[in-house]
Amino acid sequence: MVGSSYIPTLKWLKVKRCAVNIENFDDNQCFKWSILACPHEAKTHKERLWNYKAYKNELNFDGIEFPVHPKSIPQFESQNPHLSINVVSYEAENRGFCVLFASPHHYRRPHTVNLLLLDDQYGPSRLS
């Protein structure tokens, strides 16, 4: 499972309005846009990519390949010491969530980003 491009939010999750799903239709950088949405929370249209493009060079992605695999997150965290990243996925068959990566820096850094890896039955998974 890797983070790639936009996959629509699960309907039951969308109505809860508890997650921001960045609409990056043309690239495999959902990890980048989802991370940037945390420290640069948009006031309106939080799902729109244009809200975060101005900050695209703010983080250190040296050596990080897109689409991003959860195993690359420790390297990303070491290159960006103000961030901690947690990743969960939804398991439809169990109707529950599975932790794919829990940061050892959880809530000890200025920004903690909790990502949900969505799985599209017709395509790749993505981080949002």
C-alpha atoms as a PDB file:
ATOM      1  CA  MET A   1       0.000   0.000   0.000  1.00  0.00           C
ATOM      2  CA  VAL A   2       1.305   3.384  -1.000  1.00  0.00           C
ATOM      3  CA  GLY A   3      -0.080   6.896  -1.120  1.00  0.00           C
ATOM      4  CA  SER A   4      -0.780   7.989  -4.680  1.00  0.00           C
ATOM      5  CA  SER A   5      -3.444  10.264  -6.138  1.00  0.00           C
ATOM      6  CA  TYR A   6      -7.004  11.235  -5.317  1.00  0.00           C
ATOM      7  CA  ILE A   7      -9.528   8.559  -4.357  1.00  0.00           C
ATOM      8  CA  PRO A   8     -12.983   9.738  -3.231  1.00  0.00           C
ATOM      9  CA  THR A   9     -13.667   9.633   0.502  1.00  0.00           C
ATOM     10  CA  LEU A  10     -15.861   6.806   1.747  1.00  0.00           C
ATOM     11  CA  LYS A  11     -19.449   8.112   1.896  1.00  0.00           C
ATOM     12  CA  TRP A  12     -20.005   7.333   5.578  1.00  0.00           C
ATOM     13  CA  LEU A  13     -16.741   9.091   6.459  1.00  0.00           C
ATOM     14  CA  LYS A  14     -17.445  12.114   4.268  1.00  0.00           C
ATOM     15  CA  VAL A  15     -20.701  12.895   6.083  1.00  0.00           C
ATOM     16  CA  LYS A  16     -18.830  12.963   9.403  1.00  0.00           C
ATOM     17  CA  ARG A  17     -16.633  15.808   8.065  1.00  0.00           C
ATOM     18  CA  CYS A  18     -13.696  14.477  10.075  1.00  0.00           C
ATOM     19  CA  ALA A  19     -11.088  14.237   7.308  1.00  0.00           C
ATOM     20  CA  VAL A  20      -9.694  16.443   4.571  1.00  0.00           C
ATOM     21  CA  ASN A  21      -9.172  14.648   1.270  1.00  0.00           C
ATOM     22  CA  ILE A  22      -6.975  16.772  -1.011  1.00  0.00           C
ATOM     23  CA  GLU A  23      -8.100  16.605  -4.642  1.00  0.00           C
ATOM     24  CA  ASN A  24      -4.769  15.984  -6.381  1.00  0.00           C
ATOM     25  CA  PHE A  25      -6.053  14.433  -9.592  1.00  0.00           C
ATOM     26  CA  ASP A  26      -2.884  14.858 -11.681  1.00  0.00           C
ATOM     27  CA  ASP A  27      -0.013  13.689  -9.484  1.00  0.00           C
ATOM     28  CA  ASN A  28       1.005  10.975  -7.028  1.00  0.00           C
ATOM     29  CA  GLN A  29       1.899  13.442  -4.269  1.00  0.00           C
ATOM     30  CA  CYS A  30      -1.122  13.115  -1.986  1.00  0.00           C
ATOM     31  CA  PHE A  31       1.268  12.527   0.931  1.00  0.00           C
ATOM     32  CA  LYS A  32       2.867  15.945   0.365  1.00  0.00           C
ATOM     33  CA  TRP A  33      -0.431  17.790   0.014  1.00  0.00           C
ATOM     34  CA  SER A  34      -1.985  16.017   2.993  1.00  0.00           C
ATOM     35  CA  ILE A  35       1.010  16.871   5.187  1.00  0.00           C
ATOM     36  CA  LEU A  36       0.950  20.525   4.084  1.00  0.00           C
ATOM     37  CA  ALA A  37      -2.756  20.763   4.914  1.00  0.00           C
ATOM     38  CA  CYS A  38      -1.946  20.390   8.624  1.00  0.00           C
ATOM     39  CA  PRO A  39       0.267  23.421   9.352  1.00  0.00           C
ATOM     40  CA  HIS A  40      -1.446  25.460   6.596  1.00  0.00           C
ATOM     41  CA  GLU A  41      -5.104  24.743   7.259  1.00  0.00           C
ATOM     42  CA  ALA A  42      -7.249  26.492   4.671  1.00  0.00           C
ATOM     43  CA  LYS A  43     -10.243  28.504   5.856  1.00  0.00           C
ATOM     44  CA  THR A  44     -12.415  27.401   2.948  1.00  0.00           C
ATOM     45  CA  HIS A  45     -12.323  24.593   0.394  1.00  0.00           C
ATOM     46  CA  LYS A  46      -9.795  22.604   2.421  1.00  0.00           C
ATOM     47  CA  GLU A  47      -9.871  19.834  -0.179  1.00  0.00           C
ATOM     48  CA  ARG A  48      -8.628  22.098  -2.994  1.00  0.00           C
ATOM     49  CA  LEU A  49      -5.017  21.638  -4.029  1.00  0.00           C
ATOM     50  CA  TRP A  50      -4.442  25.324  -4.790  1.00  0.00           C
ATOM     51  CA  ASN A  51      -4.581  26.059  -1.047  1.00  0.00           C
ATOM     52  CA  TYR A  52      -1.271  24.244  -0.523  1.00  0.00           C
ATOM     53  CA  LYS A  53       0.767  24.763  -3.712  1.00  0.00           C
ATOM     54  CA  ALA A  54       2.441  27.905  -2.322  1.00  0.00           C
ATOM     55  CA  TYR A  55       4.041  25.735   0.397  1.00  0.00           C
ATOM     56  CA  LYS A  56       5.189  22.850  -1.846  1.00  0.00           C
ATOM     57  CA  ASN A  57       8.917  23.494  -1.260  1.00  0.00           C
ATOM     58  CA  GLU A  58       8.613  24.029   2.493  1.00  0.00           C
ATOM     59  CA  LEU A  59       9.290  20.410   3.491  1.00  0.00           C
ATOM     60  CA  ASN A  60      12.322  18.217   2.900  1.00  0.00           C
ATOM     61  CA  PHE A  61      11.441  15.317   0.597  1.00  0.00           C
ATOM     62  CA  ASP A  62      15.035  14.419  -0.323  1.00  0.00           C
ATOM     63  CA  GLY A  63      15.223  10.696  -1.053  1.00  0.00           C
ATOM     64  CA  ILE A  64      11.458  10.207  -0.638  1.00  0.00           C
ATOM     65  CA  GLU A  65       9.886   8.544  -3.666  1.00  0.00           C
ATOM     66  CA  PHE A  66       6.340   9.308  -4.771  1.00  0.00           C
ATOM     67  CA  PRO A  67       3.960   7.664  -4.319  1.00  0.00           C
ATOM     68  CA  VAL A  68       5.064   7.403  -0.682  1.00  0.00           C
ATOM     69  CA  HIS A  69       5.089   4.060   1.112  1.00  0.00           C
ATOM     70  CA  PRO A  70       4.538   4.082   4.906  1.00  0.00           C
ATOM     71  CA  LYS A  71       8.021   2.586   5.394  1.00  0.00           C
ATOM     72  CA  SER A  72       9.458   5.909   4.098  1.00  0.00           C
ATOM     73  CA  ILE A  73       7.836   7.939   6.868  1.00  0.00           C
ATOM     74  CA  PRO A  74      10.658   7.564   9.457  1.00  0.00           C
ATOM     75  CA  GLN A  75      13.087   9.088   6.931  1.00  0.00           C
ATOM     76  CA  PHE A  76      10.621  11.904   6.206  1.00  0.00           C
ATOM     77  CA  GLU A  77      10.186  12.587   9.939  1.00  0.00           C
ATOM     78  CA  SER A  78      13.946  12.731  10.508  1.00  0.00           C
ATOM     79  CA  GLN A  79      14.246  15.285   7.683  1.00  0.00           C
ATOM     80  CA  ASN A  80      11.326  17.344   9.045  1.00  0.00           C
ATOM     81  CA  PRO A  81      11.747  17.421  12.861  1.00  0.00           C
ATOM     82  CA  HIS A  82       8.696  19.643  13.421  1.00  0.00           C
ATOM     83  CA  LEU A  83       6.326  16.911  12.153  1.00  0.00           C
ATOM     84  CA  SER A  84       5.117  13.556  13.416  1.00  0.00           C
ATOM     85  CA  ILE A  85       3.084  11.313  11.133  1.00  0.00           C
ATOM     86  CA  ASN A  86       0.591   8.548  11.962  1.00  0.00           C
ATOM     87  CA  VAL A  87      -1.076   6.392   9.291  1.00  0.00           C
ATOM     88  CA  VAL A  88      -4.203   4.261   9.578  1.00  0.00           C
ATOM     89  CA  SER A  89      -6.223   2.354   7.008  1.00  0.00           C
ATOM     90  CA  TYR A  90      -9.862   1.331   6.994  1.00  0.00           C
ATOM     91  CA  GLU A  91     -10.692  -2.367   6.812  1.00  0.00           C
ATOM     92  CA  ALA A  92     -14.194  -2.714   5.406  1.00  0.00           C
ATOM     93  CA  GLU A  93     -14.522  -6.405   6.271  1.00  0.00           C
ATOM     94  CA  ASN A  94     -13.905  -5.665   9.970  1.00  0.00           C
ATOM     95  CA  ARG A  95     -15.519  -2.220   9.885  1.00  0.00           C
ATOM     96  CA  GLY A  96     -12.523  -0.869  11.763  1.00  0.00           C
ATOM     97  CA  PHE A  97      -9.194   0.862  11.429  1.00  0.00           C
ATOM     98  CA  CYS A  98      -5.703  -0.620  11.333  1.00  0.00           C
ATOM     99  CA  VAL A  99      -2.574   1.309  12.382  1.00  0.00           C
ATOM    100  CA  LEU A 100       0.007   1.140   9.592  1.00  0.00           C
ATOM    101  CA  PHE A 101       2.498   3.545  11.142  1.00  0.00           C
ATOM    102  CA  ALA A 102       2.576   5.185  14.574  1.00  0.00           C
ATOM    103  CA  SER A 103       5.193   7.864  14.994  1.00  0.00           C
ATOM    104  CA  PRO A 104       7.589   7.503  17.920  1.00  0.00           C
ATOM    105  CA  HIS A 105       7.343  11.315  18.094  1.00  0.00           C
ATOM    106  CA  HIS A 106       3.547  11.240  18.452  1.00  0.00           C
ATOM    107  CA  TYR A 107       2.414  14.601  19.861  1.00  0.00           C
ATOM    108  CA  ARG A 108       5.954  15.570  20.914  1.00  0.00           C
ATOM    109  CA  ARG A 109       6.418  17.780  17.871  1.00  0.00           C
ATOM    110  CA  PRO A 110       4.650  21.015  16.927  1.00  0.00           C
ATOM    111  CA  HIS A 111       2.558  19.307  14.245  1.00  0.00           C
ATOM    112  CA  THR A 112       1.137  15.780  14.349  1.00  0.00           C
ATOM    113  CA  VAL A 113      -0.503  14.659  11.125  1.00  0.00           C
ATOM    114  CA  ASN A 114      -2.891  11.715  11.154  1.00  0.00           C
ATOM    115  CA  LEU A 115      -3.304  10.216   7.698  1.00  0.00           C
ATOM    116  CA  LEU A 116      -5.931   7.803   6.446  1.00  0.00           C
ATOM    117  CA  LEU A 117      -4.849   5.455   3.668  1.00  0.00           C
ATOM    118  CA  LEU A 118      -7.855   4.958   1.418  1.00  0.00           C
ATOM    119  CA  ASP A 119      -8.098   1.885  -0.784  1.00  0.00           C
ATOM    120  CA  ASP A 120      -9.899   2.124  -4.089  1.00  0.00           C
ATOM    121  CA  GLN A 121     -11.212  -1.229  -5.219  1.00  0.00           C
ATOM    122  CA  TYR A 122     -10.461  -0.193  -8.807  1.00  0.00           C
ATOM    123  CA  GLY A 123      -7.050   1.382  -8.323  1.00  0.00           C
ATOM    124  CA  PRO A 124      -4.138   2.147  -5.985  1.00  0.00           C
ATOM    125  CA  SER A 125      -4.319   3.214  -2.371  1.00  0.00           C
ATOM    126  CA  ARG A 126      -3.604   6.745  -1.279  1.00  0.00           C
ATOM    127  CA  LEU A 127      -2.715   8.713   1.828  1.00  0.00           C
ATOM    128  CA  SER A 128      -5.117  11.486   2.779  1.00  0.00           C
END
